[in-house]
mmCIF file of all heavy atoms, coordinates in Angstrom:
data_MODEL
# 
_entry.id   MODEL 
# 
loop_
_atom_site.group_PDB 
_atom_site.id 
_atom_site.type_symbol 
_atom_site.label_atom_id 
_atom_site.label_alt_id 
_atom_site.label_comp_id 
_atom_site.label_asym_id 
_atom_site.label_entity_id 
_atom_site.label_seq_id 
_atom_site.pdbx_PDB_ins_code 
_atom_site.Cartn_x 
_atom_site.Cartn_y 
_atom_site.Cartn_z 
_atom_site.occupancy 
_atom_site.B_iso_or_equiv 
_atom_site.pdbx_formal_charge 
_atom_site.auth_seq_id 
_atom_site.auth_comp_id 
_atom_site.auth_asym_id 
_atom_site.auth_atom_id 
_atom_site.pdbx_PDB_model_num 
ATOM 1   N N   . ALA A 1 1  ? 0.817  -1.206 0.003   1.00 0.00 ? 1  ALA A N   1 
ATOM 2   C CA  . ALA A 1 1  ? -0.007 -0.005 -0.003  1.00 0.00 ? 1  ALA A CA  1 
ATOM 3   C C   . ALA A 1 1  ? 0.866  1.262  -0.014  1.00 0.00 ? 1  ALA A C   1 
ATOM 4   O O   . ALA A 1 1  ? 0.561  2.217  -0.709  1.00 0.00 ? 1  ALA A O   1 
ATOM 5   C CB  . ALA A 1 1  ? -0.934 -0.008 1.215   1.00 0.00 ? 1  ALA A CB  1 
ATOM 6   N N   . ALA A 1 2  ? 1.932  1.272  0.792   1.00 0.00 ? 2  ALA A N   1 
ATOM 7   C CA  . ALA A 1 2  ? 2.815  2.438  0.829   1.00 0.00 ? 2  ALA A CA  1 
ATOM 8   C C   . ALA A 1 2  ? 3.441  2.698  -0.507  1.00 0.00 ? 2  ALA A C   1 
ATOM 9   O O   . ALA A 1 2  ? 3.560  3.856  -0.969  1.00 0.00 ? 2  ALA A O   1 
ATOM 10  C CB  . ALA A 1 2  ? 3.888  2.263  1.882   1.00 0.00 ? 2  ALA A CB  1 
ATOM 11  N N   . MET A 1 3  ? 3.847  1.648  -1.198  1.00 0.00 ? 3  MET A N   1 
ATOM 12  C CA  . MET A 1 3  ? 4.466  1.791  -2.509  1.00 0.00 ? 3  MET A CA  1 
ATOM 13  C C   . MET A 1 3  ? 3.436  2.321  -3.514  1.00 0.00 ? 3  MET A C   1 
ATOM 14  O O   . MET A 1 3  ? 3.744  3.143  -4.380  1.00 0.00 ? 3  MET A O   1 
ATOM 15  C CB  . MET A 1 3  ? 4.975  0.439  -2.935  1.00 0.00 ? 3  MET A CB  1 
ATOM 16  C CG  . MET A 1 3  ? 6.118  0.376  -3.840  1.00 0.00 ? 3  MET A CG  1 
ATOM 17  S SD  . MET A 1 3  ? 7.464  1.485  -3.399  1.00 0.00 ? 3  MET A SD  1 
ATOM 18  C CE  . MET A 1 3  ? 8.183  1.491  -4.992  1.00 0.00 ? 3  MET A CE  1 
ATOM 19  N N   . GLN A 1 4  ? 2.194  1.840  -3.395  1.00 0.00 ? 4  GLN A N   1 
ATOM 20  C CA  . GLN A 1 4  ? 1.124  2.285  -4.290  1.00 0.00 ? 4  GLN A CA  1 
ATOM 21  C C   . GLN A 1 4  ? 0.848  3.774  -4.083  1.00 0.00 ? 4  GLN A C   1 
ATOM 22  O O   . GLN A 1 4  ? 0.654  4.548  -5.028  1.00 0.00 ? 4  GLN A O   1 
ATOM 23  C CB  . GLN A 1 4  ? -0.153 1.476  -4.037  1.00 0.00 ? 4  GLN A CB  1 
ATOM 24  C CG  . GLN A 1 4  ? -1.286 1.795  -5.004  1.00 0.00 ? 4  GLN A CG  1 
ATOM 25  C CD  . GLN A 1 4  ? -0.960 1.467  -6.435  1.00 0.00 ? 4  GLN A CD  1 
ATOM 26  O OE1 . GLN A 1 4  ? -0.252 0.501  -6.717  1.00 0.00 ? 4  GLN A OE1 1 
ATOM 27  N NE2 . GLN A 1 4  ? -1.444 2.295  -7.349  1.00 0.00 ? 4  GLN A NE2 1 
ATOM 28  N N   . GLU A 1 5  ? 0.830  4.229  -2.815  1.00 0.00 ? 5  GLU A N   1 
ATOM 29  C CA  . GLU A 1 5  ? 0.633  5.618  -2.505  1.00 0.00 ? 5  GLU A CA  1 
ATOM 30  C C   . GLU A 1 5  ? 1.764  6.487  -3.116  1.00 0.00 ? 5  GLU A C   1 
ATOM 31  O O   . GLU A 1 5  ? 1.495  7.534  -3.681  1.00 0.00 ? 5  GLU A O   1 
ATOM 32  C CB  . GLU A 1 5  ? 0.596  5.847  -0.981  1.00 0.00 ? 5  GLU A CB  1 
ATOM 33  C CG  . GLU A 1 5  ? -0.671 5.415  -0.343  1.00 0.00 ? 5  GLU A CG  1 
ATOM 34  C CD  . GLU A 1 5  ? -0.654 5.630  1.167   1.00 0.00 ? 5  GLU A CD  1 
ATOM 35  O OE1 . GLU A 1 5  ? -0.030 6.614  1.620   1.00 0.00 ? 5  GLU A OE1 1 
ATOM 36  O OE2 . GLU A 1 5  ? -1.248 4.811  1.887   1.00 0.00 ? 5  GLU A OE2 1 
ATOM 37  N N   . ILE A 1 6  ? 2.977  6.023  -2.987  1.00 0.00 ? 6  ILE A N   1 
ATOM 38  C CA  . ILE A 1 6  ? 4.110  6.760  -3.553  1.00 0.00 ? 6  ILE A CA  1 
ATOM 39  C C   . ILE A 1 6  ? 3.984  6.854  -5.076  1.00 0.00 ? 6  ILE A C   1 
ATOM 40  O O   . ILE A 1 6  ? 4.244  7.889  -5.670  1.00 0.00 ? 6  ILE A O   1 
ATOM 41  C CB  . ILE A 1 6  ? 5.436  6.103  -3.122  1.00 0.00 ? 6  ILE A CB  1 
ATOM 42  C CG1 . ILE A 1 6  ? 5.673  6.301  -1.645  1.00 0.00 ? 6  ILE A CG1 1 
ATOM 43  C CG2 . ILE A 1 6  ? 6.614  6.663  -3.952  1.00 0.00 ? 6  ILE A CG2 1 
ATOM 44  C CD1 . ILE A 1 6  ? 6.858  5.559  -1.087  1.00 0.00 ? 6  ILE A CD1 1 
ATOM 45  N N   . ALA A 1 7  ? 3.578  5.782  -5.692  1.00 0.00 ? 7  ALA A N   1 
ATOM 46  C CA  . ALA A 1 7  ? 3.409  5.768  -7.161  1.00 0.00 ? 7  ALA A CA  1 
ATOM 47  C C   . ALA A 1 7  ? 2.296  6.763  -7.573  1.00 0.00 ? 7  ALA A C   1 
ATOM 48  O O   . ALA A 1 7  ? 2.455  7.491  -8.548  1.00 0.00 ? 7  ALA A O   1 
ATOM 49  C CB  . ALA A 1 7  ? 3.060  4.369  -7.652  1.00 0.00 ? 7  ALA A CB  1 
ATOM 50  N N   . GLU A 1 8  ? 1.212  6.796  -6.821  1.00 0.00 ? 8  GLU A N   1 
ATOM 51  C CA  . GLU A 1 8  ? 0.149  7.738  -7.109  1.00 0.00 ? 8  GLU A CA  1 
ATOM 52  C C   . GLU A 1 8  ? 0.594  9.190  -6.886  1.00 0.00 ? 8  GLU A C   1 
ATOM 53  O O   . GLU A 1 8  ? 0.323  10.063 -7.703  1.00 0.00 ? 8  GLU A O   1 
ATOM 54  C CB  . GLU A 1 8  ? -1.109 7.446  -6.250  1.00 0.00 ? 8  GLU A CB  1 
ATOM 55  C CG  . GLU A 1 8  ? -1.801 6.157  -6.630  1.00 0.00 ? 8  GLU A CG  1 
ATOM 56  C CD  . GLU A 1 8  ? -2.872 5.743  -5.629  1.00 0.00 ? 8  GLU A CD  1 
ATOM 57  O OE1 . GLU A 1 8  ? -3.117 6.477  -4.671  1.00 0.00 ? 8  GLU A OE1 1 
ATOM 58  O OE2 . GLU A 1 8  ? -3.459 4.649  -5.849  1.00 0.00 ? 8  GLU A OE2 1 
ATOM 59  N N   . GLN A 1 9  ? 1.301  9.436  -5.801  1.00 0.00 ? 9  GLN A N   1 
ATOM 60  C CA  . GLN A 1 9  ? 1.857  10.781 -5.567  1.00 0.00 ? 9  GLN A CA  1 
ATOM 61  C C   . GLN A 1 9  ? 2.833  11.179 -6.659  1.00 0.00 ? 9  GLN A C   1 
ATOM 62  O O   . GLN A 1 9  ? 2.830  12.335 -7.109  1.00 0.00 ? 9  GLN A O   1 
ATOM 63  C CB  . GLN A 1 9  ? 2.599  10.825 -4.202  1.00 0.00 ? 9  GLN A CB  1 
ATOM 64  C CG  . GLN A 1 9  ? 1.688  10.801 -3.012  1.00 0.00 ? 9  GLN A CG  1 
ATOM 65  C CD  . GLN A 1 9  ? 2.423  10.747 -1.717  1.00 0.00 ? 9  GLN A CD  1 
ATOM 66  O OE1 . GLN A 1 9  ? 3.656  10.569 -1.691  1.00 0.00 ? 9  GLN A OE1 1 
ATOM 67  N NE2 . GLN A 1 9  ? 1.735  10.899 -0.598  1.00 0.00 ? 9  GLN A NE2 1 
ATOM 68  N N   . ASN A 1 10 ? 3.637  10.239 -7.091  1.00 0.00 ? 10 ASN A N   1 
ATOM 69  C CA  . ASN A 1 10 ? 4.589  10.505 -8.156  1.00 0.00 ? 10 ASN A CA  1 
ATOM 70  C C   . ASN A 1 10 ? 3.836  10.925 -9.465  1.00 0.00 ? 10 ASN A C   1 
ATOM 71  O O   . ASN A 1 10 ? 4.235  11.865 -10.127 1.00 0.00 ? 10 ASN A O   1 
ATOM 72  C CB  . ASN A 1 10 ? 5.448  9.278  -8.432  1.00 0.00 ? 10 ASN A CB  1 
ATOM 73  C CG  . ASN A 1 10 ? 6.585  9.540  -9.416  1.00 0.00 ? 10 ASN A CG  1 
ATOM 74  O OD1 . ASN A 1 10 ? 7.068  10.657 -9.534  1.00 0.00 ? 10 ASN A OD1 1 
ATOM 75  N ND2 . ASN A 1 10 ? 7.000  8.517  -10.130 1.00 0.00 ? 10 ASN A ND2 1 
ATOM 76  N N   . ALA A 1 11 ? 2.791  10.209 -9.782  1.00 0.00 ? 11 ALA A N   1 
ATOM 77  C CA  . ALA A 1 11 ? 1.988  10.533 -10.982 1.00 0.00 ? 11 ALA A CA  1 
ATOM 78  C C   . ALA A 1 11 ? 1.368  11.932 -10.833 1.00 0.00 ? 11 ALA A C   1 
ATOM 79  O O   . ALA A 1 11 ? 1.371  12.714 -11.786 1.00 0.00 ? 11 ALA A O   1 
ATOM 80  C CB  . ALA A 1 11 ? 0.911  9.470  -11.181 1.00 0.00 ? 11 ALA A CB  1 
ATOM 81  N N   . GLN A 1 12 ? 0.841  12.230 -9.661  1.00 0.00 ? 12 GLN A N   1 
ATOM 82  C CA  . GLN A 1 12 ? 0.234  13.543 -9.441  1.00 0.00 ? 12 GLN A CA  1 
ATOM 83  C C   . GLN A 1 12 ? 1.292  14.652 -9.538  1.00 0.00 ? 12 GLN A C   1 
ATOM 84  O O   . GLN A 1 12 ? 1.068  15.709 -10.140 1.00 0.00 ? 12 GLN A O   1 
ATOM 85  C CB  . GLN A 1 12 ? -0.392 13.606 -8.041  1.00 0.00 ? 12 GLN A CB  1 
ATOM 86  C CG  . GLN A 1 12 ? -1.642 12.767 -7.924  1.00 0.00 ? 12 GLN A CG  1 
ATOM 87  C CD  . GLN A 1 12 ? -2.170 12.716 -6.493  1.00 0.00 ? 12 GLN A CD  1 
ATOM 88  O OE1 . GLN A 1 12 ? -1.553 13.219 -5.555  1.00 0.00 ? 12 GLN A OE1 1 
ATOM 89  N NE2 . GLN A 1 12 ? -3.328 12.088 -6.315  1.00 0.00 ? 12 GLN A NE2 1 
ATOM 90  N N   . LEU A 1 13 ? 2.480  14.396 -8.977  1.00 0.00 ? 13 LEU A N   1 
ATOM 91  C CA  . LEU A 1 13 ? 3.531  15.406 -9.046  1.00 0.00 ? 13 LEU A CA  1 
ATOM 92  C C   . LEU A 1 13 ? 4.014  15.601 -10.471 1.00 0.00 ? 13 LEU A C   1 
ATOM 93  O O   . LEU A 1 13 ? 4.325  16.714 -10.886 1.00 0.00 ? 13 LEU A O   1 
ATOM 94  C CB  . LEU A 1 13 ? 4.719  15.000 -8.141  1.00 0.00 ? 13 LEU A CB  1 
ATOM 95  C CG  . LEU A 1 13 ? 4.430  15.076 -6.643  1.00 0.00 ? 13 LEU A CG  1 
ATOM 96  C CD1 . LEU A 1 13 ? 5.608  14.488 -5.852  1.00 0.00 ? 13 LEU A CD1 1 
ATOM 97  C CD2 . LEU A 1 13 ? 4.169  16.510 -6.213  1.00 0.00 ? 13 LEU A CD2 1 
ATOM 98  N N   . LYS A 1 14 ? 4.066  14.531 -11.261 1.00 0.00 ? 14 LYS A N   1 
ATOM 99  C CA  . LYS A 1 14 ? 4.442  14.651 -12.681 1.00 0.00 ? 14 LYS A CA  1 
ATOM 100 C C   . LYS A 1 14 ? 3.428  15.518 -13.425 1.00 0.00 ? 14 LYS A C   1 
ATOM 101 O O   . LYS A 1 14 ? 3.801  16.379 -14.239 1.00 0.00 ? 14 LYS A O   1 
ATOM 102 C CB  . LYS A 1 14 ? 4.565  13.291 -13.333 1.00 0.00 ? 14 LYS A CB  1 
ATOM 103 C CG  . LYS A 1 14 ? 5.838  12.578 -12.985 1.00 0.00 ? 14 LYS A CG  1 
ATOM 104 C CD  . LYS A 1 14 ? 5.943  11.253 -13.683 1.00 0.00 ? 14 LYS A CD  1 
ATOM 105 C CE  . LYS A 1 14 ? 7.240  10.535 -13.349 1.00 0.00 ? 14 LYS A CE  1 
ATOM 106 N NZ  . LYS A 1 14 ? 7.382  9.260  -14.050 1.00 0.00 ? 14 LYS A NZ  1 
ATOM 107 N N   . ASP A 1 15 ? 2.134  15.313 -13.123 1.00 0.00 ? 15 ASP A N   1 
ATOM 108 C CA  . ASP A 1 15 ? 1.096  16.131 -13.742 1.00 0.00 ? 15 ASP A CA  1 
ATOM 109 C C   . ASP A 1 15 ? 1.253  17.599 -13.334 1.00 0.00 ? 15 ASP A C   1 
ATOM 110 O O   . ASP A 1 15 ? 1.145  18.492 -14.174 1.00 0.00 ? 15 ASP A O   1 
ATOM 111 C CB  . ASP A 1 15 ? -0.309 15.627 -13.367 1.00 0.00 ? 15 ASP A CB  1 
ATOM 112 C CG  . ASP A 1 15 ? -0.654 14.313 -14.036 1.00 0.00 ? 15 ASP A CG  1 
ATOM 113 O OD1 . ASP A 1 15 ? -0.004 13.974 -15.043 1.00 0.00 ? 15 ASP A OD1 1 
ATOM 114 O OD2 . ASP A 1 15 ? -1.573 13.654 -13.548 1.00 0.00 ? 15 ASP A OD2 1 
ATOM 115 N N   . ARG A 1 16 ? 1.461  17.823 -12.039 1.00 0.00 ? 16 ARG A N   1 
ATOM 116 C CA  . ARG A 1 16 ? 1.624  19.201 -11.557 1.00 0.00 ? 16 ARG A CA  1 
ATOM 117 C C   . ARG A 1 16 ? 2.863  19.861 -12.184 1.00 0.00 ? 16 ARG A C   1 
ATOM 118 O O   . ARG A 1 16 ? 2.837  21.037 -12.529 1.00 0.00 ? 16 ARG A O   1 
ATOM 119 C CB  . ARG A 1 16 ? 1.751  19.222 -10.035 1.00 0.00 ? 16 ARG A CB  1 
ATOM 120 C CG  . ARG A 1 16 ? 0.425  18.918 -9.342  1.00 0.00 ? 16 ARG A CG  1 
ATOM 121 C CD  . ARG A 1 16 ? 0.524  18.882 -7.837  1.00 0.00 ? 16 ARG A CD  1 
ATOM 122 N NE  . ARG A 1 16 ? 1.112  20.087 -7.274  1.00 0.00 ? 16 ARG A NE  1 
ATOM 123 C CZ  . ARG A 1 16 ? 1.567  20.182 -6.042  1.00 0.00 ? 16 ARG A CZ  1 
ATOM 124 N NH1 . ARG A 1 16 ? 1.479  19.141 -5.247  1.00 0.00 ? 16 ARG A NH1 1 
ATOM 125 N NH2 . ARG A 1 16 ? 2.071  21.316 -5.608  1.00 0.00 ? 16 ARG A NH2 1 
ATOM 126 N N   . LEU A 1 17 ? 3.933  19.081 -12.322 1.00 0.00 ? 17 LEU A N   1 
ATOM 127 C CA  . LEU A 1 17 ? 5.141  19.616 -12.948 1.00 0.00 ? 17 LEU A CA  1 
ATOM 128 C C   . LEU A 1 17 ? 4.890  19.967 -14.395 1.00 0.00 ? 17 LEU A C   1 
ATOM 129 O O   . LEU A 1 17 ? 5.313  21.034 -14.866 1.00 0.00 ? 17 LEU A O   1 
ATOM 130 C CB  . LEU A 1 17 ? 6.286  18.617 -12.834 1.00 0.00 ? 17 LEU A CB  1 
ATOM 131 C CG  . LEU A 1 17 ? 7.596  19.013 -13.511 1.00 0.00 ? 17 LEU A CG  1 
ATOM 132 C CD1 . LEU A 1 17 ? 8.143  20.297 -12.907 1.00 0.00 ? 17 LEU A CD1 1 
ATOM 133 C CD2 . LEU A 1 17 ? 8.610  17.905 -13.408 1.00 0.00 ? 17 LEU A CD2 1 
ATOM 134 N N   . ALA A 1 18 ? 4.179  19.125 -15.135 1.00 0.00 ? 18 ALA A N   1 
ATOM 135 C CA  . ALA A 1 18 ? 3.856  19.396 -16.522 1.00 0.00 ? 18 ALA A CA  1 
ATOM 136 C C   . ALA A 1 18 ? 3.017  20.663 -16.642 1.00 0.00 ? 18 ALA A C   1 
ATOM 137 O O   . ALA A 1 18 ? 3.263  21.515 -17.490 1.00 0.00 ? 18 ALA A O   1 
ATOM 138 C CB  . ALA A 1 18 ? 3.141  18.221 -17.159 1.00 0.00 ? 18 ALA A CB  1 
ATOM 139 N N   . ASN A 1 19 ? 2.021  20.815 -15.755 1.00 0.00 ? 19 ASN A N   1 
ATOM 140 C CA  . ASN A 1 19 ? 1.181  22.008 -15.765 1.00 0.00 ? 19 ASN A CA  1 
ATOM 141 C C   . ASN A 1 19 ? 2.006  23.251 -15.419 1.00 0.00 ? 19 ASN A C   1 
ATOM 142 O O   . ASN A 1 19 ? 1.839  24.294 -16.029 1.00 0.00 ? 19 ASN A O   1 
ATOM 143 C CB  . ASN A 1 19 ? 0.007  21.854 -14.783 1.00 0.00 ? 19 ASN A CB  1 
ATOM 144 C CG  . ASN A 1 19 ? -0.974 20.827 -15.244 1.00 0.00 ? 19 ASN A CG  1 
ATOM 145 O OD1 . ASN A 1 19 ? -1.067 20.518 -16.428 1.00 0.00 ? 19 ASN A OD1 1 
ATOM 146 N ND2 . ASN A 1 19 ? -1.724 20.263 -14.324 1.00 0.00 ? 19 ASN A ND2 1 
ATOM 147 N N   . ALA A 1 20 ? 2.849  23.146 -14.422 1.00 0.00 ? 20 ALA A N   1 
ATOM 148 C CA  . ALA A 1 20 ? 3.702  24.285 -14.028 1.00 0.00 ? 20 ALA A CA  1 
ATOM 149 C C   . ALA A 1 20 ? 4.667  24.682 -15.151 1.00 0.00 ? 20 ALA A C   1 
ATOM 150 O O   . ALA A 1 20 ? 4.913  25.867 -15.379 1.00 0.00 ? 20 ALA A O   1 
ATOM 151 C CB  . ALA A 1 20 ? 4.468  23.956 -12.749 1.00 0.00 ? 20 ALA A CB  1 
ATOM 152 N N   . THR A 1 21 ? 5.183  23.690 -15.877 1.00 0.00 ? 21 THR A N   1 
ATOM 153 C CA  . THR A 1 21 ? 6.083  23.953 -16.972 1.00 0.00 ? 21 THR A CA  1 
ATOM 154 C C   . THR A 1 21 ? 5.348  24.713 -18.087 1.00 0.00 ? 21 THR A C   1 
ATOM 155 O O   . THR A 1 21 ? 5.883  25.667 -18.655 1.00 0.00 ? 21 THR A O   1 
ATOM 156 C CB  . THR A 1 21 ? 6.667  22.655 -17.528 1.00 0.00 ? 21 THR A CB  1 
ATOM 157 O OG1 . THR A 1 21 ? 7.388  21.994 -16.439 1.00 0.00 ? 21 THR A OG1 1 
ATOM 158 C CG2 . THR A 1 21 ? 7.621  22.881 -18.655 1.00 0.00 ? 21 THR A CG2 1 
ATOM 159 N N   . LYS A 1 22 ? 4.108  24.305 -18.375 1.00 0.00 ? 22 LYS A N   1 
ATOM 160 C CA  . LYS A 1 22 ? 3.316  24.994 -19.393 1.00 0.00 ? 22 LYS A CA  1 
ATOM 161 C C   . LYS A 1 22 ? 3.009  26.428 -18.955 1.00 0.00 ? 22 LYS A C   1 
ATOM 162 O O   . LYS A 1 22 ? 3.108  27.364 -19.755 1.00 0.00 ? 22 LYS A O   1 
ATOM 163 C CB  . LYS A 1 22 ? 1.998  24.251 -19.639 1.00 0.00 ? 22 LYS A CB  1 
ATOM 164 C CG  . LYS A 1 22 ? 2.181  22.939 -20.390 1.00 0.00 ? 22 LYS A CG  1 
ATOM 165 C CD  . LYS A 1 22 ? 0.862  22.214 -20.529 1.00 0.00 ? 22 LYS A CD  1 
ATOM 166 C CE  . LYS A 1 22 ? 1.031  20.844 -21.128 1.00 0.00 ? 22 LYS A CE  1 
ATOM 167 N NZ  . LYS A 1 22 ? -0.227 20.093 -21.159 1.00 0.00 ? 22 LYS A NZ  1 
ATOM 168 N N   . GLU A 1 23 ? 2.645  26.572 -17.688 1.00 0.00 ? 23 GLU A N   1 
ATOM 169 C CA  . GLU A 1 23 ? 2.362  27.923 -17.148 1.00 0.00 ? 23 GLU A CA  1 
ATOM 170 C C   . GLU A 1 23 ? 3.611  28.802 -17.198 1.00 0.00 ? 23 GLU A C   1 
ATOM 171 O O   . GLU A 1 23 ? 3.522  29.985 -17.536 1.00 0.00 ? 23 GLU A O   1 
ATOM 172 C CB  . GLU A 1 23 ? 1.838  27.794 -15.715 1.00 0.00 ? 23 GLU A CB  1 
ATOM 173 C CG  . GLU A 1 23 ? 1.470  29.129 -15.064 1.00 0.00 ? 23 GLU A CG  1 
ATOM 174 C CD  . GLU A 1 23 ? 0.274  29.800 -15.727 1.00 0.00 ? 23 GLU A CD  1 
ATOM 175 O OE1 . GLU A 1 23 ? -0.570 29.103 -16.310 1.00 0.00 ? 23 GLU A OE1 1 
ATOM 176 O OE2 . GLU A 1 23 ? 0.223  31.034 -15.653 1.00 0.00 ? 23 GLU A OE2 1 
ATOM 177 N N   . LEU A 1 24 ? 4.745  28.243 -16.877 1.00 0.00 ? 24 LEU A N   1 
ATOM 178 C CA  . LEU A 1 24 ? 6.011  28.983 -16.917 1.00 0.00 ? 24 LEU A CA  1 
ATOM 179 C C   . LEU A 1 24 ? 6.288  29.451 -18.356 1.00 0.00 ? 24 LEU A C   1 
ATOM 180 O O   . LEU A 1 24 ? 6.718  30.601 -18.554 1.00 0.00 ? 24 LEU A O   1 
ATOM 181 C CB  . LEU A 1 24 ? 7.158  28.145 -16.385 1.00 0.00 ? 24 LEU A CB  1 
ATOM 182 C CG  . LEU A 1 24 ? 8.547  28.772 -16.409 1.00 0.00 ? 24 LEU A CG  1 
ATOM 183 C CD1 . LEU A 1 24 ? 8.582  30.045 -15.589 1.00 0.00 ? 24 LEU A CD1 1 
ATOM 184 C CD2 . LEU A 1 24 ? 9.598  27.781 -15.950 1.00 0.00 ? 24 LEU A CD2 1 
ATOM 185 N N   . ALA A 1 25 ? 6.079  28.600 -19.324 1.00 0.00 ? 25 ALA A N   1 
ATOM 186 C CA  . ALA A 1 25 ? 6.289  28.963 -20.715 1.00 0.00 ? 25 ALA A CA  1 
ATOM 187 C C   . ALA A 1 25 ? 5.350  30.139 -21.119 1.00 0.00 ? 25 ALA A C   1 
ATOM 188 O O   . ALA A 1 25 ? 5.789  31.082 -21.786 1.00 0.00 ? 25 ALA A O   1 
ATOM 189 C CB  . ALA A 1 25 ? 6.055  27.767 -21.621 1.00 0.00 ? 25 ALA A CB  1 
ATOM 190 N N   . ARG A 1 26 ? 4.081  30.061 -20.678 1.00 0.00 ? 26 ARG A N   1 
ATOM 191 C CA  . ARG A 1 26 ? 3.142  31.173 -20.948 1.00 0.00 ? 26 ARG A CA  1 
ATOM 192 C C   . ARG A 1 26 ? 3.613  32.457 -20.284 1.00 0.00 ? 26 ARG A C   1 
ATOM 193 O O   . ARG A 1 26 ? 3.598  33.538 -20.899 1.00 0.00 ? 26 ARG A O   1 
ATOM 194 C CB  . ARG A 1 26 ? 1.749  30.807 -20.489 1.00 0.00 ? 26 ARG A CB  1 
ATOM 195 C CG  . ARG A 1 26 ? 1.001  29.870 -21.392 1.00 0.00 ? 26 ARG A CG  1 
ATOM 196 C CD  . ARG A 1 26 ? -0.505 29.771 -21.046 1.00 0.00 ? 26 ARG A CD  1 
ATOM 197 N NE  . ARG A 1 26 ? -0.740 29.245 -19.705 1.00 0.00 ? 26 ARG A NE  1 
ATOM 198 C CZ  . ARG A 1 26 ? -0.916 27.959 -19.442 1.00 0.00 ? 26 ARG A CZ  1 
ATOM 199 N NH1 . ARG A 1 26 ? -0.884 27.066 -20.417 1.00 0.00 ? 26 ARG A NH1 1 
ATOM 200 N NH2 . ARG A 1 26 ? -1.117 27.560 -18.201 1.00 0.00 ? 26 ARG A NH2 1 
ATOM 201 N N   . GLU A 1 27 ? 4.034  32.370 -19.043 1.00 0.00 ? 27 GLU A N   1 
ATOM 202 C CA  . GLU A 1 27 ? 4.501  33.548 -18.316 1.00 0.00 ? 27 GLU A CA  1 
ATOM 203 C C   . GLU A 1 27 ? 5.764  34.140 -18.954 1.00 0.00 ? 27 GLU A C   1 
ATOM 204 O O   . GLU A 1 27 ? 5.924  35.354 -19.001 1.00 0.00 ? 27 GLU A O   1 
ATOM 205 C CB  . GLU A 1 27 ? 4.758  33.208 -16.848 1.00 0.00 ? 27 GLU A CB  1 
ATOM 206 C CG  . GLU A 1 27 ? 3.514  32.890 -16.033 1.00 0.00 ? 27 GLU A CG  1 
ATOM 207 C CD  . GLU A 1 27 ? 2.552  34.083 -15.941 1.00 0.00 ? 27 GLU A CD  1 
ATOM 208 O OE1 . GLU A 1 27 ? 3.013  35.222 -15.922 1.00 0.00 ? 27 GLU A OE1 1 
ATOM 209 O OE2 . GLU A 1 27 ? 1.356  33.826 -15.911 1.00 0.00 ? 27 GLU A OE2 1 
ATOM 210 N N   . ARG A 1 28 ? 6.648  33.304 -19.459 1.00 0.00 ? 28 ARG A N   1 
ATOM 211 C CA  . ARG A 1 28 ? 7.855  33.793 -20.133 1.00 0.00 ? 28 ARG A CA  1 
ATOM 212 C C   . ARG A 1 28 ? 7.486  34.531 -21.412 1.00 0.00 ? 28 ARG A C   1 
ATOM 213 O O   . ARG A 1 28 ? 8.097  35.586 -21.720 1.00 0.00 ? 28 ARG A O   1 
ATOM 214 C CB  . ARG A 1 28 ? 8.794  32.629 -20.444 1.00 0.00 ? 28 ARG A CB  1 
ATOM 215 C CG  . ARG A 1 28 ? 9.539  32.153 -19.192 1.00 0.00 ? 28 ARG A CG  1 
ATOM 216 C CD  . ARG A 1 28 ? 10.475 31.019 -19.547 1.00 0.00 ? 28 ARG A CD  1 
ATOM 217 N NE  . ARG A 1 28 ? 11.275 30.684 -18.354 1.00 0.00 ? 28 ARG A NE  1 
ATOM 218 C CZ  . ARG A 1 28 ? 11.992 29.589 -18.250 1.00 0.00 ? 28 ARG A CZ  1 
ATOM 219 N NH1 . ARG A 1 28 ? 12.049 28.726 -19.255 1.00 0.00 ? 28 ARG A NH1 1 
ATOM 220 N NH2 . ARG A 1 28 ? 12.700 29.337 -17.160 1.00 0.00 ? 28 ARG A NH2 1 
ATOM 221 N N   . LYS A 1 29 ? 6.503  34.045 -22.156 1.00 0.00 ? 29 LYS A N   1 
ATOM 222 C CA  . LYS A 1 29 ? 6.035  34.737 -23.363 1.00 0.00 ? 29 LYS A CA  1 
ATOM 223 C C   . LYS A 1 29 ? 5.448  36.079 -22.996 1.00 0.00 ? 29 LYS A C   1 
ATOM 224 O O   . LYS A 1 29 ? 5.732  37.095 -23.638 1.00 0.00 ? 29 LYS A O   1 
ATOM 225 C CB  . LYS A 1 29 ? 5.019  33.895 -24.140 1.00 0.00 ? 29 LYS A CB  1 
ATOM 226 C CG  . LYS A 1 29 ? 5.590  32.735 -24.875 1.00 0.00 ? 29 LYS A CG  1 
ATOM 227 C CD  . LYS A 1 29 ? 4.497  31.987 -25.621 1.00 0.00 ? 29 LYS A CD  1 
ATOM 228 C CE  . LYS A 1 29 ? 5.076  30.796 -26.370 1.00 0.00 ? 29 LYS A CE  1 
ATOM 229 N NZ  . LYS A 1 29 ? 4.024  30.040 -27.072 1.00 0.00 ? 29 LYS A NZ  1 
ATOM 230 N N   . THR A 1 30 ? 4.622  36.101 -21.954 1.00 0.00 ? 30 THR A N   1 
ATOM 231 C CA  . THR A 1 30 ? 4.015  37.358 -21.502 1.00 0.00 ? 30 THR A CA  1 
ATOM 232 C C   . THR A 1 30 ? 5.079  38.330 -21.038 1.00 0.00 ? 30 THR A C   1 
ATOM 233 O O   . THR A 1 30 ? 5.042  39.504 -21.390 1.00 0.00 ? 30 THR A O   1 
ATOM 234 C CB  . THR A 1 30 ? 3.019  37.079 -20.348 1.00 0.00 ? 30 THR A CB  1 
ATOM 235 O OG1 . THR A 1 30 ? 2.030  36.166 -20.776 1.00 0.00 ? 30 THR A OG1 1 
ATOM 236 C CG2 . THR A 1 30 ? 2.383  38.347 -19.839 1.00 0.00 ? 30 THR A CG2 1 
# 
């Protein structure tokens, strides 16, 4: 269960990182 939680957190963090990277690119253009 602990490993499954870590895998889910990892997936969520990857999604957040991808979103933050896109937002950063938009902010740089602005």
